[in-house]
């Protein structure tokens, strides 16, 4: 991954660890290792059961193909000790494009657990270990931005999914951040997805903020928020182990006010408005400010 401009360094792929007490004695470390092993076993079992079921559902186009990914991600979050608080709800208008910020590989599980939906991601993601598997499980559509000849096929696939009524999620920053700030949303990414809505007329665009707020019940400060964030040149395995060691993460998902994207509203202005809304929602989550009903 490319480190976001101006992001704080991630020395040696090290993930900061929240110090909450004295060094663990040997027995406690052993029990902690057993707990992590049980979590990994649970993840493996959920995957071994879920993958064939999802493959069969996709092959036969069963209604379960939309429900299995959400259930799978909820199981993973439970095993990992991640608690999700939802503020707001998806807009009822369809087709619906959710523009979200991006903090971690955990975002796929967090957002994917909310409701039947699908992601649009760059083609490189499909080859990433674990992340690519999670993305494929969620029926992600991969876009190769270097092959314009594939654009028509991709647009047809997106349009077919939208016809099922599922929202499409786009991590509009184009990369992940350190969790303390929102990177600029890329209008080109929104424009590429907008092409698939060509025959839909008005598209409902809704901002979506994902904010990691607590670790083991303690509010995350600026220093510890990268415990959840996966960005820059961090390797996945050490970050995964750090998440397993710490556990008990709290994340807030906040839906913003929907807006229209049509012939009267250009993608740049809508993208910038969505970015500003996600920044506001993210700030409110960090300081613990509740949104009005």
C-alpha atoms as a PDB file:
ATOM      1  CA  UNK A   1       0.000   0.000   0.000  1.00  0.00           C
ATOM      2  CA  UNK A   2       1.054   3.597  -0.541  1.00  0.00           C
ATOM      3  CA  UNK A   3       1.484   5.635   2.612  1.00  0.00           C
ATOM      4  CA  UNK A   4      -0.968   8.559   2.733  1.00  0.00           C
ATOM      5  CA  UNK A   5       0.760  11.939   2.299  1.00  0.00           C
ATOM      6  CA  UNK A   6       1.815  13.364   5.648  1.00  0.00           C
ATOM      7  CA  UNK A   7       0.841  10.255   7.601  1.00  0.00           C
ATOM      8  CA  UNK A   8       2.910   9.561  10.734  1.00  0.00           C
ATOM      9  CA  UNK A   9       5.589   6.923  10.237  1.00  0.00           C
ATOM     10  CA  UNK A  10       4.943   3.291  10.981  1.00  0.00           C
ATOM     11  CA  UNK A  11       8.427   2.248  12.150  1.00  0.00           C
ATOM     12  CA  UNK A  12       9.393  -1.228  11.105  1.00  0.00           C
ATOM     13  CA  UNK A  13       5.805  -2.225  10.566  1.00  0.00           C
ATOM     14  CA  UNK A  14       5.439  -2.040  14.342  1.00  0.00           C
ATOM     15  CA  UNK A  15       1.927  -1.562  15.657  1.00  0.00           C
ATOM     16  CA  UNK A  16       1.602   0.495  18.846  1.00  0.00           C
ATOM     17  CA  UNK A  17       0.460  -1.500  21.853  1.00  0.00           C
ATOM     18  CA  UNK A  18      -1.733  -0.012  24.546  1.00  0.00           C
ATOM     19  CA  UNK A  19       0.001  -0.433  27.875  1.00  0.00           C
ATOM     20  CA  UNK A  20      -2.667  -1.122  30.477  1.00  0.00           C
ATOM     21  CA  UNK A  21      -0.673  -2.661  33.278  1.00  0.00           C
ATOM     22  CA  UNK A  22       2.554  -4.416  34.301  1.00  0.00           C
ATOM     23  CA  UNK A  23       4.203  -7.022  32.133  1.00  0.00           C
ATOM     24  CA  UNK A  24       2.196 -10.206  31.920  1.00  0.00           C
ATOM     25  CA  UNK A  25       3.514 -13.234  33.842  1.00  0.00           C
ATOM     26  CA  UNK A  26       4.268 -16.407  31.924  1.00  0.00           C
ATOM     27  CA  UNK A  27       0.964 -18.132  32.725  1.00  0.00           C
ATOM     28  CA  UNK A  28      -1.039 -15.113  31.614  1.00  0.00           C
ATOM     29  CA  UNK A  29       0.907 -14.954  28.359  1.00  0.00           C
ATOM     30  CA  UNK A  30       0.237 -18.655  27.810  1.00  0.00           C
ATOM     31  CA  UNK A  31      -3.488 -18.187  28.381  1.00  0.00           C
ATOM     32  CA  UNK A  32      -3.433 -15.182  26.057  1.00  0.00           C
ATOM     33  CA  UNK A  33      -1.771 -17.305  23.380  1.00  0.00           C
ATOM     34  CA  UNK A  34      -4.424 -19.996  23.806  1.00  0.00           C
ATOM     35  CA  UNK A  35      -7.157 -17.365  23.477  1.00  0.00           C
ATOM     36  CA  UNK A  36      -5.637 -16.071  20.241  1.00  0.00           C
ATOM     37  CA  UNK A  37      -5.366 -19.630  18.962  1.00  0.00           C
ATOM     38  CA  UNK A  38      -9.046 -20.247  19.693  1.00  0.00           C
ATOM     39  CA  UNK A  39      -9.993 -17.040  17.872  1.00  0.00           C
ATOM     40  CA  UNK A  40      -7.969 -18.037  14.809  1.00  0.00           C
ATOM     41  CA  UNK A  41      -9.550 -21.498  14.905  1.00  0.00           C
ATOM     42  CA  UNK A  42     -13.005 -19.917  15.029  1.00  0.00           C
ATOM     43  CA  UNK A  43     -12.165 -17.677  12.067  1.00  0.00           C
ATOM     44  CA  UNK A  44     -10.874 -20.674  10.112  1.00  0.00           C
ATOM     45  CA  UNK A  45     -14.010 -22.718  10.836  1.00  0.00           C
ATOM     46  CA  UNK A  46     -16.332 -19.835   9.899  1.00  0.00           C
ATOM     47  CA  UNK A  47     -14.413 -19.399   6.642  1.00  0.00           C
ATOM     48  CA  UNK A  48     -14.334 -23.120   5.801  1.00  0.00           C
ATOM     49  CA  UNK A  49     -18.089 -23.342   6.316  1.00  0.00           C
ATOM     50  CA  UNK A  50     -19.012 -19.988   4.793  1.00  0.00           C
ATOM     51  CA  UNK A  51     -16.946 -20.119   1.609  1.00  0.00           C
ATOM     52  CA  UNK A  52     -18.573 -23.250   0.109  1.00  0.00           C
ATOM     53  CA  UNK A  53     -22.034 -21.998   1.085  1.00  0.00           C
ATOM     54  CA  UNK A  54     -21.392 -18.639  -0.554  1.00  0.00           C
ATOM     55  CA  UNK A  55     -19.877 -20.265  -3.647  1.00  0.00           C
ATOM     56  CA  UNK A  56     -22.956 -22.455  -4.003  1.00  0.00           C
ATOM     57  CA  UNK A  57     -25.278 -19.496  -3.419  1.00  0.00           C
ATOM     58  CA  UNK A  58     -23.490 -17.443  -6.071  1.00  0.00           C
ATOM     59  CA  UNK A  59     -23.431 -20.305  -8.554  1.00  0.00           C
ATOM     60  CA  UNK A  60     -27.170 -20.944  -8.183  1.00  0.00           C
ATOM     61  CA  UNK A  61     -28.022 -17.253  -7.669  1.00  0.00           C
ATOM     62  CA  UNK A  62     -29.780 -18.024  -4.399  1.00  0.00           C
ATOM     63  CA  UNK A  63     -31.085 -15.195  -2.177  1.00  0.00           C
ATOM     64  CA  UNK A  64     -28.622 -16.367   0.489  1.00  0.00           C
ATOM     65  CA  UNK A  65     -25.739 -14.919  -1.573  1.00  0.00           C
ATOM     66  CA  UNK A  66     -26.729 -11.495  -0.245  1.00  0.00           C
ATOM     67  CA  UNK A  67     -27.157 -12.577   3.388  1.00  0.00           C
ATOM     68  CA  UNK A  68     -24.225 -14.935   4.004  1.00  0.00           C
ATOM     69  CA  UNK A  69     -21.498 -12.239   3.773  1.00  0.00           C
ATOM     70  CA  UNK A  70     -23.194 -10.019   6.370  1.00  0.00           C
ATOM     71  CA  UNK A  71     -23.607 -12.990   8.731  1.00  0.00           C
ATOM     72  CA  UNK A  72     -20.007 -14.080   8.146  1.00  0.00           C
ATOM     73  CA  UNK A  73     -18.637 -10.628   8.977  1.00  0.00           C
ATOM     74  CA  UNK A  74     -20.756 -10.426  12.137  1.00  0.00           C
ATOM     75  CA  UNK A  75     -19.260 -13.731  13.285  1.00  0.00           C
ATOM     76  CA  UNK A  76     -15.728 -12.476  12.571  1.00  0.00           C
ATOM     77  CA  UNK A  77     -16.326  -9.252  14.486  1.00  0.00           C
ATOM     78  CA  UNK A  78     -17.640 -11.237  17.457  1.00  0.00           C
ATOM     79  CA  UNK A  79     -14.587 -13.488  17.412  1.00  0.00           C
ATOM     80  CA  UNK A  80     -12.180 -10.540  17.103  1.00  0.00           C
ATOM     81  CA  UNK A  81     -13.886  -8.640  19.911  1.00  0.00           C
ATOM     82  CA  UNK A  82     -14.987  -5.715  17.745  1.00  0.00           C
ATOM     83  CA  UNK A  83     -18.220  -4.001  18.829  1.00  0.00           C
ATOM     84  CA  UNK A  84     -20.045  -1.870  16.259  1.00  0.00           C
ATOM     85  CA  UNK A  85     -22.313   1.047  17.165  1.00  0.00           C
ATOM     86  CA  UNK A  86     -24.529   2.279  14.328  1.00  0.00           C
ATOM     87  CA  UNK A  87     -25.855   5.837  14.219  1.00  0.00           C
ATOM     88  CA  UNK A  88     -28.324   6.553  11.440  1.00  0.00           C
ATOM     89  CA  UNK A  89     -29.363   4.195   8.674  1.00  0.00           C
ATOM     90  CA  UNK A  90     -28.939   3.684   4.922  1.00  0.00           C
ATOM     91  CA  UNK A  91     -31.122   6.023   2.851  1.00  0.00           C
ATOM     92  CA  UNK A  92     -34.191   4.338   1.352  1.00  0.00           C
ATOM     93  CA  UNK A  93     -33.554   5.735  -2.130  1.00  0.00           C
ATOM     94  CA  UNK A  94     -32.131   3.427  -4.787  1.00  0.00           C
ATOM     95  CA  UNK A  95     -29.712   3.187  -6.438  1.00  0.00           C
ATOM     96  CA  UNK A  96     -27.602   4.079  -3.389  1.00  0.00           C
ATOM     97  CA  UNK A  97     -23.883   4.898  -3.387  1.00  0.00           C
ATOM     98  CA  UNK A  98     -22.214   4.999   0.037  1.00  0.00           C
ATOM     99  CA  UNK A  99     -19.019   7.098   0.162  1.00  0.00           C
ATOM    100  CA  UNK A 100     -16.928   6.017   3.143  1.00  0.00           C
ATOM    101  CA  UNK A 101     -13.566   6.781   4.669  1.00  0.00           C
ATOM    102  CA  UNK A 102     -11.056   3.950   4.978  1.00  0.00           C
ATOM    103  CA  UNK A 103      -9.010   3.118   8.076  1.00  0.00           C
ATOM    104  CA  UNK A 104      -8.257  -0.596   8.179  1.00  0.00           C
ATOM    105  CA  UNK A 105      -8.809  -4.030   6.710  1.00  0.00           C
ATOM    106  CA  UNK A 106     -11.338  -4.301   9.545  1.00  0.00           C
ATOM    107  CA  UNK A 107     -13.536  -1.832   7.636  1.00  0.00           C
ATOM    108  CA  UNK A 108     -14.577  -4.626   5.274  1.00  0.00           C
ATOM    109  CA  UNK A 109     -15.963  -6.634   8.192  1.00  0.00           C
ATOM    110  CA  UNK A 110     -17.481  -3.597   9.925  1.00  0.00           C
ATOM    111  CA  UNK A 111     -19.258  -2.152   6.887  1.00  0.00           C
ATOM    112  CA  UNK A 112     -19.991  -5.576   5.409  1.00  0.00           C
ATOM    113  CA  UNK A 113     -21.827  -6.625   8.570  1.00  0.00           C
ATOM    114  CA  UNK A 114     -24.380  -3.803   8.358  1.00  0.00           C
ATOM    115  CA  UNK A 115     -26.680  -4.958   5.567  1.00  0.00           C
ATOM    116  CA  UNK A 116     -26.520  -6.739   2.192  1.00  0.00           C
ATOM    117  CA  UNK A 117     -24.217  -4.565   0.075  1.00  0.00           C
ATOM    118  CA  UNK A 118     -21.185  -4.807  -2.163  1.00  0.00           C
ATOM    119  CA  UNK A 119     -17.899  -2.980  -2.573  1.00  0.00           C
ATOM    120  CA  UNK A 120     -16.108  -1.536  -5.568  1.00  0.00           C
ATOM    121  CA  UNK A 121     -12.325  -1.813  -5.225  1.00  0.00           C
ATOM    122  CA  UNK A 122      -9.193  -1.599  -7.336  1.00  0.00           C
ATOM    123  CA  UNK A 123      -8.144  -4.878  -8.926  1.00  0.00           C
ATOM    124  CA  UNK A 124      -4.945  -5.144  -6.849  1.00  0.00           C
ATOM    125  CA  UNK A 125      -7.034  -5.814  -3.728  1.00  0.00           C
ATOM    126  CA  UNK A 126      -8.167  -9.183  -5.099  1.00  0.00           C
ATOM    127  CA  UNK A 127      -4.617 -10.532  -4.727  1.00  0.00           C
ATOM    128  CA  UNK A 128      -4.014  -9.363  -1.151  1.00  0.00           C
ATOM    129  CA  UNK A 129      -3.882 -12.185   1.431  1.00  0.00           C
ATOM    130  CA  UNK A 130      -6.976 -12.331   3.653  1.00  0.00           C
ATOM    131  CA  UNK A 131      -8.170  -8.905   2.436  1.00  0.00           C
ATOM    132  CA  UNK A 132      -8.774 -10.243  -1.063  1.00  0.00           C
ATOM    133  CA  UNK A 133     -10.628 -13.231   0.376  1.00  0.00           C
ATOM    134  CA  UNK A 134     -12.865 -11.028   2.535  1.00  0.00           C
ATOM    135  CA  UNK A 135     -13.540  -8.741  -0.426  1.00  0.00           C
ATOM    136  CA  UNK A 136     -14.489 -11.619  -2.735  1.00  0.00           C
ATOM    137  CA  UNK A 137     -16.716 -13.072  -0.034  1.00  0.00           C
ATOM    138  CA  UNK A 138     -18.570  -9.730  -0.011  1.00  0.00           C
ATOM    139  CA  UNK A 139     -19.166  -9.937  -3.807  1.00  0.00           C
ATOM    140  CA  UNK A 140     -16.741  -7.080  -4.433  1.00  0.00           C
ATOM    141  CA  UNK A 141     -16.441  -5.821  -7.989  1.00  0.00           C
ATOM    142  CA  UNK A 142     -12.797  -5.226  -8.881  1.00  0.00           C
ATOM    143  CA  UNK A 143     -11.949  -2.420 -11.265  1.00  0.00           C
ATOM    144  CA  UNK A 144      -8.737  -2.445 -13.292  1.00  0.00           C
ATOM    145  CA  UNK A 145      -8.131   1.232 -13.889  1.00  0.00           C
ATOM    146  CA  UNK A 146      -5.380   0.419 -16.422  1.00  0.00           C
ATOM    147  CA  UNK A 147      -7.747  -1.490 -18.738  1.00  0.00           C
ATOM    148  CA  UNK A 148     -10.336   0.845 -20.171  1.00  0.00           C
ATOM    149  CA  UNK A 149     -11.621  -1.980 -22.360  1.00  0.00           C
ATOM    150  CA  UNK A 150     -13.026  -3.639 -19.228  1.00  0.00           C
ATOM    151  CA  UNK A 151     -15.021  -0.585 -18.171  1.00  0.00           C
ATOM    152  CA  UNK A 152     -18.185  -1.607 -20.016  1.00  0.00           C
ATOM    153  CA  UNK A 153     -18.206  -5.091 -18.472  1.00  0.00           C
ATOM    154  CA  UNK A 154     -17.619  -3.696 -14.986  1.00  0.00           C
ATOM    155  CA  UNK A 155     -20.395  -1.138 -15.420  1.00  0.00           C
ATOM    156  CA  UNK A 156     -22.814  -3.850 -16.499  1.00  0.00           C
ATOM    157  CA  UNK A 157     -21.936  -5.897 -13.438  1.00  0.00           C
ATOM    158  CA  UNK A 158     -22.423  -2.915 -11.112  1.00  0.00           C
ATOM    159  CA  UNK A 159     -25.731  -2.092 -12.784  1.00  0.00           C
ATOM    160  CA  UNK A 160     -26.904  -5.705 -12.329  1.00  0.00           C
ATOM    161  CA  UNK A 161     -26.068  -5.604  -8.619  1.00  0.00           C
ATOM    162  CA  UNK A 162     -27.836  -2.280  -8.223  1.00  0.00           C
ATOM    163  CA  UNK A 163     -30.875  -3.843  -9.824  1.00  0.00           C
ATOM    164  CA  UNK A 164     -31.019  -6.199  -6.832  1.00  0.00           C
ATOM    165  CA  UNK A 165     -31.424  -3.145  -4.599  1.00  0.00           C
ATOM    166  CA  UNK A 166     -28.128  -3.476  -2.732  1.00  0.00           C
ATOM    167  CA  UNK A 167     -26.097  -0.349  -1.909  1.00  0.00           C
ATOM    168  CA  UNK A 168     -22.621  -0.006  -3.393  1.00  0.00           C
ATOM    169  CA  UNK A 169     -19.792   1.071  -1.060  1.00  0.00           C
ATOM    170  CA  UNK A 170     -16.793   3.025  -2.267  1.00  0.00           C
ATOM    171  CA  UNK A 171     -13.828   3.907  -0.043  1.00  0.00           C
ATOM    172  CA  UNK A 172     -13.487   7.296  -1.643  1.00  0.00           C
ATOM    173  CA  UNK A 173     -10.029   8.191  -0.296  1.00  0.00           C
ATOM    174  CA  UNK A 174      -8.500   5.539  -2.537  1.00  0.00           C
ATOM    175  CA  UNK A 175      -6.267   4.316   0.322  1.00  0.00           C
ATOM    176  CA  UNK A 176      -6.401   3.922   4.095  1.00  0.00           C
ATOM    177  CA  UNK A 177      -5.484   6.569   6.680  1.00  0.00           C
ATOM    178  CA  UNK A 178      -4.103   6.530  10.235  1.00  0.00           C
ATOM    179  CA  UNK A 179      -7.620   6.916  11.637  1.00  0.00           C
ATOM    180  CA  UNK A 180      -7.047  10.405  13.026  1.00  0.00           C
ATOM    181  CA  UNK A 181      -8.016  12.277   9.887  1.00  0.00           C
ATOM    182  CA  UNK A 182      -9.880  11.994   6.624  1.00  0.00           C
ATOM    183  CA  UNK A 183      -7.887  12.077   3.393  1.00  0.00           C
ATOM    184  CA  UNK A 184      -9.270  13.953   0.356  1.00  0.00           C
ATOM    185  CA  UNK A 185     -11.976  12.026  -1.483  1.00  0.00           C
ATOM    186  CA  UNK A 186     -11.019  11.220  -5.072  1.00  0.00           C
ATOM    187  CA  UNK A 187     -13.593  12.502  -7.517  1.00  0.00           C
ATOM    188  CA  UNK A 188     -12.190  10.268 -10.271  1.00  0.00           C
ATOM    189  CA  UNK A 189     -13.207   7.164  -8.317  1.00  0.00           C
ATOM    190  CA  UNK A 190     -16.735   8.503  -7.879  1.00  0.00           C
ATOM    191  CA  UNK A 191     -16.858   9.386 -11.562  1.00  0.00           C
ATOM    192  CA  UNK A 192     -15.838   5.864 -12.552  1.00  0.00           C
ATOM    193  CA  UNK A 193     -18.657   4.348 -10.492  1.00  0.00           C
ATOM    194  CA  UNK A 194     -21.099   7.023 -11.696  1.00  0.00           C
ATOM    195  CA  UNK A 195     -20.761   5.704 -15.244  1.00  0.00           C
ATOM    196  CA  UNK A 196     -22.526   2.534 -14.144  1.00  0.00           C
ATOM    197  CA  UNK A 197     -25.537   4.635 -13.122  1.00  0.00           C
ATOM    198  CA  UNK A 198     -25.900   6.121 -16.601  1.00  0.00           C
ATOM    199  CA  UNK A 199     -29.422   4.781 -17.111  1.00  0.00           C
ATOM    200  CA  UNK A 200     -30.526   5.259 -13.503  1.00  0.00           C
ATOM    201  CA  UNK A 201     -31.146   9.002 -13.635  1.00  0.00           C
ATOM    202  CA  UNK A 202     -30.818  10.275 -10.083  1.00  0.00           C
ATOM    203  CA  UNK A 203     -28.459   8.425  -7.760  1.00  0.00           C
ATOM    204  CA  UNK A 204     -28.662   8.787  -3.980  1.00  0.00           C
ATOM    205  CA  UNK A 205     -25.228   9.417  -2.457  1.00  0.00           C
ATOM    206  CA  UNK A 206     -24.810   9.001   1.287  1.00  0.00           C
ATOM    207  CA  UNK A 207     -21.667   9.751   3.335  1.00  0.00           C
ATOM    208  CA  UNK A 208     -20.545   7.025   5.741  1.00  0.00           C
ATOM    209  CA  UNK A 209     -18.003   7.599   8.525  1.00  0.00           C
ATOM    210  CA  UNK A 210     -16.122   4.699  10.145  1.00  0.00           C
ATOM    211  CA  UNK A 211     -14.386   5.718  13.397  1.00  0.00           C
ATOM    212  CA  UNK A 212     -12.549   3.493  15.863  1.00  0.00           C
ATOM    213  CA  UNK A 213     -13.235   5.026  19.262  1.00  0.00           C
ATOM    214  CA  UNK A 214     -12.235   2.717  22.155  1.00  0.00           C
ATOM    215  CA  UNK A 215      -9.781  -0.048  22.999  1.00  0.00           C
ATOM    216  CA  UNK A 216     -10.603  -2.294  25.968  1.00  0.00           C
ATOM    217  CA  UNK A 217     -13.185   0.286  27.013  1.00  0.00           C
ATOM    218  CA  UNK A 218     -10.626   3.117  27.118  1.00  0.00           C
ATOM    219  CA  UNK A 219     -11.172   6.054  24.728  1.00  0.00           C
ATOM    220  CA  UNK A 220      -8.577   6.054  21.960  1.00  0.00           C
ATOM    221  CA  UNK A 221      -6.364   9.095  21.839  1.00  0.00           C
ATOM    222  CA  UNK A 222      -4.466  10.244  18.785  1.00  0.00           C
ATOM    223  CA  UNK A 223      -1.507   8.035  19.709  1.00  0.00           C
ATOM    224  CA  UNK A 224      -3.469   4.806  20.035  1.00  0.00           C
ATOM    225  CA  UNK A 225      -5.958   5.126  17.169  1.00  0.00           C
ATOM    226  CA  UNK A 226      -3.437   3.489  14.785  1.00  0.00           C
ATOM    227  CA  UNK A 227      -3.968   0.326  16.849  1.00  0.00           C
ATOM    228  CA  UNK A 228      -6.968  -0.230  14.601  1.00  0.00           C
ATOM    229  CA  UNK A 229      -5.624   1.545  11.515  1.00  0.00           C
ATOM    230  CA  UNK A 230      -3.791  -0.404   8.803  1.00  0.00           C
ATOM    231  CA  UNK A 231      -1.996   2.016   6.518  1.00  0.00           C
ATOM    232  CA  UNK A 232       1.290   3.008   4.939  1.00  0.00           C
ATOM    233  CA  UNK A 233       3.747   0.110   4.696  1.00  0.00           C
ATOM    234  CA  UNK A 234       2.345  -1.900   7.593  1.00  0.00           C
ATOM    235  CA  UNK A 235       2.415  -5.652   7.056  1.00  0.00           C
ATOM    236  CA  UNK A 236      -0.882  -7.430   7.592  1.00  0.00           C
ATOM    237  CA  UNK A 237       0.251 -10.311   9.821  1.00  0.00           C
ATOM    238  CA  UNK A 238       1.771  -8.180  12.635  1.00  0.00           C
ATOM    239  CA  UNK A 239      -1.238  -5.874  12.566  1.00  0.00           C
ATOM    240  CA  UNK A 240      -3.657  -8.810  12.735  1.00  0.00           C
ATOM    241  CA  UNK A 241      -1.781 -10.244  15.729  1.00  0.00           C
ATOM    242  CA  UNK A 242      -1.825  -6.848  17.457  1.00  0.00           C
ATOM    243  CA  UNK A 243      -5.610  -6.660  17.002  1.00  0.00           C
ATOM    244  CA  UNK A 244      -5.957 -10.188  18.391  1.00  0.00           C
ATOM    245  CA  UNK A 245      -3.748  -9.375  21.405  1.00  0.00           C
ATOM    246  CA  UNK A 246      -5.588  -6.176  22.266  1.00  0.00           C
ATOM    247  CA  UNK A 247      -9.149  -7.158  21.381  1.00  0.00           C
ATOM    248  CA  UNK A 248     -12.208  -5.261  22.628  1.00  0.00           C
ATOM    249  CA  UNK A 249     -12.289  -2.594  19.922  1.00  0.00           C
ATOM    250  CA  UNK A 250     -15.240  -0.219  19.645  1.00  0.00           C
ATOM    251  CA  UNK A 251     -16.104   1.316  16.286  1.00  0.00           C
ATOM    252  CA  UNK A 252     -18.831   3.778  15.367  1.00  0.00           C
ATOM    253  CA  UNK A 253     -20.490   3.790  11.954  1.00  0.00           C
ATOM    254  CA  UNK A 254     -22.332   7.030  11.233  1.00  0.00           C
ATOM    255  CA  UNK A 255     -24.582   7.554   8.221  1.00  0.00           C
ATOM    256  CA  UNK A 256     -24.722  11.128   6.940  1.00  0.00           C
ATOM    257  CA  UNK A 257     -27.395  13.077   5.130  1.00  0.00           C
ATOM    258  CA  UNK A 258     -28.139  11.700   1.654  1.00  0.00           C
ATOM    259  CA  UNK A 259     -27.771  13.894  -1.417  1.00  0.00           C
ATOM    260  CA  UNK A 260     -28.615  13.615  -5.095  1.00  0.00           C
ATOM    261  CA  UNK A 261     -26.184  12.937  -7.909  1.00  0.00           C
ATOM    262  CA  UNK A 262     -27.825  13.692 -11.245  1.00  0.00           C
ATOM    263  CA  UNK A 263     -27.474  15.940 -14.255  1.00  0.00           C
ATOM    264  CA  UNK A 264     -27.924  19.009 -12.044  1.00  0.00           C
ATOM    265  CA  UNK A 265     -25.266  17.975  -9.520  1.00  0.00           C
ATOM    266  CA  UNK A 266     -21.754  17.274 -10.823  1.00  0.00           C
ATOM    267  CA  UNK A 267     -19.665  14.543  -9.220  1.00  0.00           C
ATOM    268  CA  UNK A 268     -17.000  16.957  -7.948  1.00  0.00           C
ATOM    269  CA  UNK A 269     -19.371  19.045  -5.861  1.00  0.00           C
ATOM    270  CA  UNK A 270     -21.176  15.964  -4.514  1.00  0.00           C
ATOM    271  CA  UNK A 271     -17.872  14.255  -3.675  1.00  0.00           C
ATOM    272  CA  UNK A 272     -16.577  17.321  -1.847  1.00  0.00           C
ATOM    273  CA  UNK A 273     -19.841  17.667   0.079  1.00  0.00           C
ATOM    274  CA  UNK A 274     -19.678  13.983   1.074  1.00  0.00           C
ATOM    275  CA  UNK A 275     -16.066  14.415   2.182  1.00  0.00           C
ATOM    276  CA  UNK A 276     -16.981  17.380   4.372  1.00  0.00           C
ATOM    277  CA  UNK A 277     -19.851  15.419   5.919  1.00  0.00           C
ATOM    278  CA  UNK A 278     -17.623  12.410   6.684  1.00  0.00           C
ATOM    279  CA  UNK A 279     -15.067  14.733   8.299  1.00  0.00           C
ATOM    280  CA  UNK A 280     -17.815  16.198  10.499  1.00  0.00           C
ATOM    281  CA  UNK A 281     -19.199  12.783  11.470  1.00  0.00           C
ATOM    282  CA  UNK A 282     -15.716  11.463  12.191  1.00  0.00           C
ATOM    283  CA  UNK A 283     -14.941  14.425  14.464  1.00  0.00           C
ATOM    284  CA  UNK A 284     -18.215  13.973  16.339  1.00  0.00           C
ATOM    285  CA  UNK A 285     -17.435  10.270  16.878  1.00  0.00           C
ATOM    286  CA  UNK A 286     -13.956  11.054  18.200  1.00  0.00           C
ATOM    287  CA  UNK A 287     -15.207  13.633  20.729  1.00  0.00           C
ATOM    288  CA  UNK A 288     -18.261  11.536  21.616  1.00  0.00           C
ATOM    289  CA  UNK A 289     -20.884  13.951  20.327  1.00  0.00           C
ATOM    290  CA  UNK A 290     -24.262  12.371  19.599  1.00  0.00           C
ATOM    291  CA  UNK A 291     -26.056  13.190  16.373  1.00  0.00           C
ATOM    292  CA  UNK A 292     -29.614  14.533  16.464  1.00  0.00           C
ATOM    293  CA  UNK A 293     -32.314  11.993  15.712  1.00  0.00           C
END
